[in-house]
Amino acid sequence: MNRVNPFRFLKLLAAGVMAAAVGVWLLVNPNMGMRDVPPTPSDYMAGVGALAVGLILLAFAGWVAFGRRSG
């Protein structure tokens, strides 16, 4: 049975949580008060990208933790 290194797993999990949190933060506050004009759709793309990366990392961490069962 292949064992997962717990430190590497926790780093992967932390990276996924942090990327998802940054993505949500950028979606909630897209221009971060730097401009007086309303945000455009392109301002939201950084948040969407960071959120997508975070969710992919969290899905991969879940697969590593629970989906790699060898008989």
N, C-alpha and C. Protein backbone atom coordinates (compact mmCIF):
# COMPACT_ATOMS: atom_id res chain seq x y z
N MET A 1 0.84 -1.18 0.00
CA MET A 1 0.00 0.00 0.00
C MET A 1 0.89 1.24 0.00
N ASN A 2 0.57 2.16 -0.87
CA ASN A 2 1.32 3.40 -0.94
C ASN A 2 0.84 4.36 0.13
N ARG A 3 1.76 4.82 0.95
CA ARG A 3 1.41 5.78 2.00
C ARG A 3 1.70 7.19 1.51
N VAL A 4 0.88 8.11 1.93
CA VAL A 4 1.03 9.51 1.56
C VAL A 4 1.84 10.20 2.65
N ASN A 5 2.83 10.96 2.25
CA ASN A 5 3.61 11.74 3.20
C ASN A 5 2.70 12.81 3.80
N PRO A 6 2.49 12.78 5.13
CA PRO A 6 1.53 13.73 5.72
C PRO A 6 1.94 15.19 5.55
N PHE A 7 3.22 15.49 5.59
CA PHE A 7 3.66 16.88 5.43
C PHE A 7 3.35 17.38 4.03
N ARG A 8 3.61 16.57 3.03
CA ARG A 8 3.30 16.99 1.65
C ARG A 8 1.80 17.12 1.43
N PHE A 9 1.03 16.21 2.04
CA PHE A 9 -0.41 16.29 1.93
C PHE A 9 -0.93 17.57 2.58
N LEU A 10 -0.41 17.93 3.75
CA LEU A 10 -0.85 19.15 4.41
C LEU A 10 -0.45 20.40 3.62
N LYS A 11 0.71 20.37 2.98
CA LYS A 11 1.10 21.49 2.13
C LYS A 11 0.15 21.62 0.94
N LEU A 12 -0.22 20.52 0.34
CA LEU A 12 -1.16 20.54 -0.78
C LEU A 12 -2.52 21.05 -0.32
N LEU A 13 -2.96 20.59 0.82
CA LEU A 13 -4.25 21.02 1.36
C LEU A 13 -4.22 22.51 1.70
N ALA A 14 -3.14 22.98 2.32
CA ALA A 14 -3.03 24.40 2.66
C ALA A 14 -2.98 25.27 1.42
N ALA A 15 -2.27 24.82 0.40
CA ALA A 15 -2.20 25.58 -0.85
C ALA A 15 -3.58 25.68 -1.50
N GLY A 16 -4.33 24.60 -1.47
CA GLY A 16 -5.69 24.63 -2.03
C GLY A 16 -6.60 25.57 -1.28
N VAL A 17 -6.53 25.53 0.04
CA VAL A 17 -7.37 26.42 0.85
C VAL A 17 -6.98 27.88 0.64
N MET A 18 -5.69 28.15 0.62
CA MET A 18 -5.25 29.53 0.43
C MET A 18 -5.62 30.06 -0.95
N ALA A 19 -5.43 29.25 -1.99
CA ALA A 19 -5.78 29.70 -3.34
C ALA A 19 -7.29 29.93 -3.46
N ALA A 20 -8.09 29.05 -2.87
CA ALA A 20 -9.54 29.25 -2.91
C ALA A 20 -9.94 30.49 -2.13
N ALA A 21 -9.29 30.74 -1.00
CA ALA A 21 -9.61 31.93 -0.21
C ALA A 21 -9.24 33.21 -0.96
N VAL A 22 -8.08 33.21 -1.61
CA VAL A 22 -7.69 34.38 -2.40
C VAL A 22 -8.66 34.57 -3.57
N GLY A 23 -9.09 33.49 -4.19
CA GLY A 23 -10.05 33.59 -5.29
C GLY A 23 -11.37 34.18 -4.84
N VAL A 24 -11.86 33.73 -3.69
CA VAL A 24 -13.12 34.29 -3.17
C VAL A 24 -12.93 35.77 -2.82
N TRP A 25 -11.80 36.09 -2.21
CA TRP A 25 -11.54 37.49 -1.85
C TRP A 25 -11.49 38.38 -3.09
N LEU A 26 -10.84 37.91 -4.14
CA LEU A 26 -10.77 38.70 -5.37
C LEU A 26 -12.11 38.80 -6.07
N LEU A 27 -12.97 37.80 -5.91
CA LEU A 27 -14.31 37.89 -6.50
C LEU A 27 -15.19 38.86 -5.71
N VAL A 28 -15.04 38.87 -4.41
CA VAL A 28 -15.86 39.76 -3.59
C VAL A 28 -15.41 41.21 -3.73
N ASN A 29 -14.11 41.43 -3.83
CA ASN A 29 -13.55 42.78 -3.91
C ASN A 29 -12.61 42.85 -5.11
N PRO A 30 -13.13 42.93 -6.33
CA PRO A 30 -12.29 42.77 -7.52
C PRO A 30 -11.28 43.90 -7.75
N ASN A 31 -11.63 45.12 -7.42
CA ASN A 31 -10.68 46.19 -7.71
C ASN A 31 -9.93 46.65 -6.47
N MET A 32 -10.26 46.15 -5.32
CA MET A 32 -9.57 46.40 -4.05
C MET A 32 -9.40 47.88 -3.77
N GLY A 33 -10.36 48.69 -4.20
CA GLY A 33 -10.35 50.12 -3.88
C GLY A 33 -9.31 50.93 -4.63
N MET A 34 -8.71 50.38 -5.67
CA MET A 34 -7.66 51.09 -6.38
C MET A 34 -8.22 52.06 -7.43
N ARG A 35 -9.45 51.82 -7.88
CA ARG A 35 -10.02 52.68 -8.92
C ARG A 35 -11.41 53.11 -8.51
N ASP A 36 -11.85 54.21 -9.06
CA ASP A 36 -13.19 54.71 -8.75
C ASP A 36 -14.25 54.22 -9.73
N VAL A 37 -13.83 53.57 -10.80
CA VAL A 37 -14.79 53.09 -11.79
C VAL A 37 -15.32 51.72 -11.36
N PRO A 38 -16.52 51.36 -11.81
CA PRO A 38 -17.05 50.04 -11.47
C PRO A 38 -16.18 48.93 -12.10
N PRO A 39 -16.13 47.76 -11.46
CA PRO A 39 -15.31 46.68 -12.01
C PRO A 39 -15.88 46.14 -13.32
N THR A 40 -14.99 45.76 -14.19
CA THR A 40 -15.37 45.14 -15.46
C THR A 40 -15.28 43.62 -15.32
N PRO A 41 -15.83 42.88 -16.26
CA PRO A 41 -15.72 41.42 -16.17
C PRO A 41 -14.28 40.92 -16.15
N SER A 42 -13.38 41.63 -16.78
CA SER A 42 -11.98 41.18 -16.76
C SER A 42 -11.36 41.32 -15.37
N ASP A 43 -11.90 42.20 -14.54
CA ASP A 43 -11.41 42.33 -13.17
C ASP A 43 -11.73 41.09 -12.34
N TYR A 44 -12.79 40.40 -12.69
CA TYR A 44 -13.18 39.21 -11.95
C TYR A 44 -12.39 37.97 -12.37
N MET A 45 -11.70 38.02 -13.49
CA MET A 45 -11.03 36.83 -14.01
C MET A 45 -9.90 36.33 -13.10
N ALA A 46 -9.20 37.22 -12.43
CA ALA A 46 -8.15 36.79 -11.51
C ALA A 46 -8.76 35.98 -10.36
N GLY A 47 -9.89 36.41 -9.87
CA GLY A 47 -10.57 35.67 -8.80
C GLY A 47 -11.09 34.34 -9.27
N VAL A 48 -11.64 34.31 -10.47
CA VAL A 48 -12.14 33.04 -11.02
C VAL A 48 -10.99 32.06 -11.21
N GLY A 49 -9.87 32.55 -11.72
CA GLY A 49 -8.71 31.68 -11.93
C GLY A 49 -8.15 31.14 -10.63
N ALA A 50 -8.00 32.01 -9.64
CA ALA A 50 -7.47 31.56 -8.35
C ALA A 50 -8.43 30.60 -7.67
N LEU A 51 -9.71 30.85 -7.77
CA LEU A 51 -10.70 29.94 -7.18
C LEU A 51 -10.67 28.59 -7.88
N ALA A 52 -10.55 28.59 -9.20
CA ALA A 52 -10.48 27.33 -9.94
C ALA A 52 -9.24 26.53 -9.55
N VAL A 53 -8.11 27.19 -9.44
CA VAL A 53 -6.88 26.50 -9.03
C VAL A 53 -7.03 25.93 -7.63
N GLY A 54 -7.61 26.71 -6.72
CA GLY A 54 -7.81 26.23 -5.36
C GLY A 54 -8.72 25.02 -5.30
N LEU A 55 -9.81 25.04 -6.06
CA LEU A 55 -10.72 23.90 -6.06
C LEU A 55 -10.09 22.67 -6.69
N ILE A 56 -9.28 22.86 -7.72
CA ILE A 56 -8.58 21.73 -8.34
C ILE A 56 -7.59 21.13 -7.36
N LEU A 57 -6.85 21.97 -6.64
CA LEU A 57 -5.91 21.45 -5.64
C LEU A 57 -6.63 20.72 -4.51
N LEU A 58 -7.77 21.24 -4.08
CA LEU A 58 -8.52 20.56 -3.04
C LEU A 58 -9.09 19.23 -3.53
N ALA A 59 -9.53 19.19 -4.77
CA ALA A 59 -10.01 17.92 -5.34
C ALA A 59 -8.89 16.91 -5.44
N PHE A 60 -7.71 17.37 -5.84
CA PHE A 60 -6.57 16.46 -5.92
C PHE A 60 -6.17 15.97 -4.53
N ALA A 61 -6.22 16.85 -3.53
CA ALA A 61 -5.91 16.43 -2.17
C ALA A 61 -6.92 15.40 -1.68
N GLY A 62 -8.18 15.59 -2.01
CA GLY A 62 -9.20 14.60 -1.65
C GLY A 62 -8.98 13.27 -2.35
N TRP A 63 -8.57 13.33 -3.62
CA TRP A 63 -8.28 12.10 -4.33
C TRP A 63 -7.09 11.38 -3.73
N VAL A 64 -6.06 12.13 -3.35
CA VAL A 64 -4.88 11.53 -2.74
C VAL A 64 -5.24 10.90 -1.40
N ALA A 65 -6.09 11.57 -0.62
CA ALA A 65 -6.42 11.08 0.71
C ALA A 65 -7.39 9.91 0.68
N PHE A 66 -8.40 9.97 -0.18
CA PHE A 66 -9.47 8.99 -0.10
C PHE A 66 -9.64 8.14 -1.35
N GLY A 67 -9.13 8.55 -2.47
CA GLY A 67 -9.44 7.85 -3.71
C GLY A 67 -8.40 6.85 -4.17
N ARG A 68 -7.23 6.82 -3.53
CA ARG A 68 -6.16 5.94 -3.99
C ARG A 68 -6.10 4.69 -3.13
N ARG A 69 -7.15 3.95 -3.08
CA ARG A 69 -7.18 2.72 -2.30
C ARG A 69 -6.73 1.57 -3.18
N SER A 70 -5.69 0.89 -2.74
CA SER A 70 -5.22 -0.28 -3.48
C SER A 70 -5.60 -1.53 -2.70
N GLY A 71 -6.08 -2.51 -3.42
CA GLY A 71 -6.58 -3.72 -2.80
C GLY A 71 -5.51 -4.59 -2.38
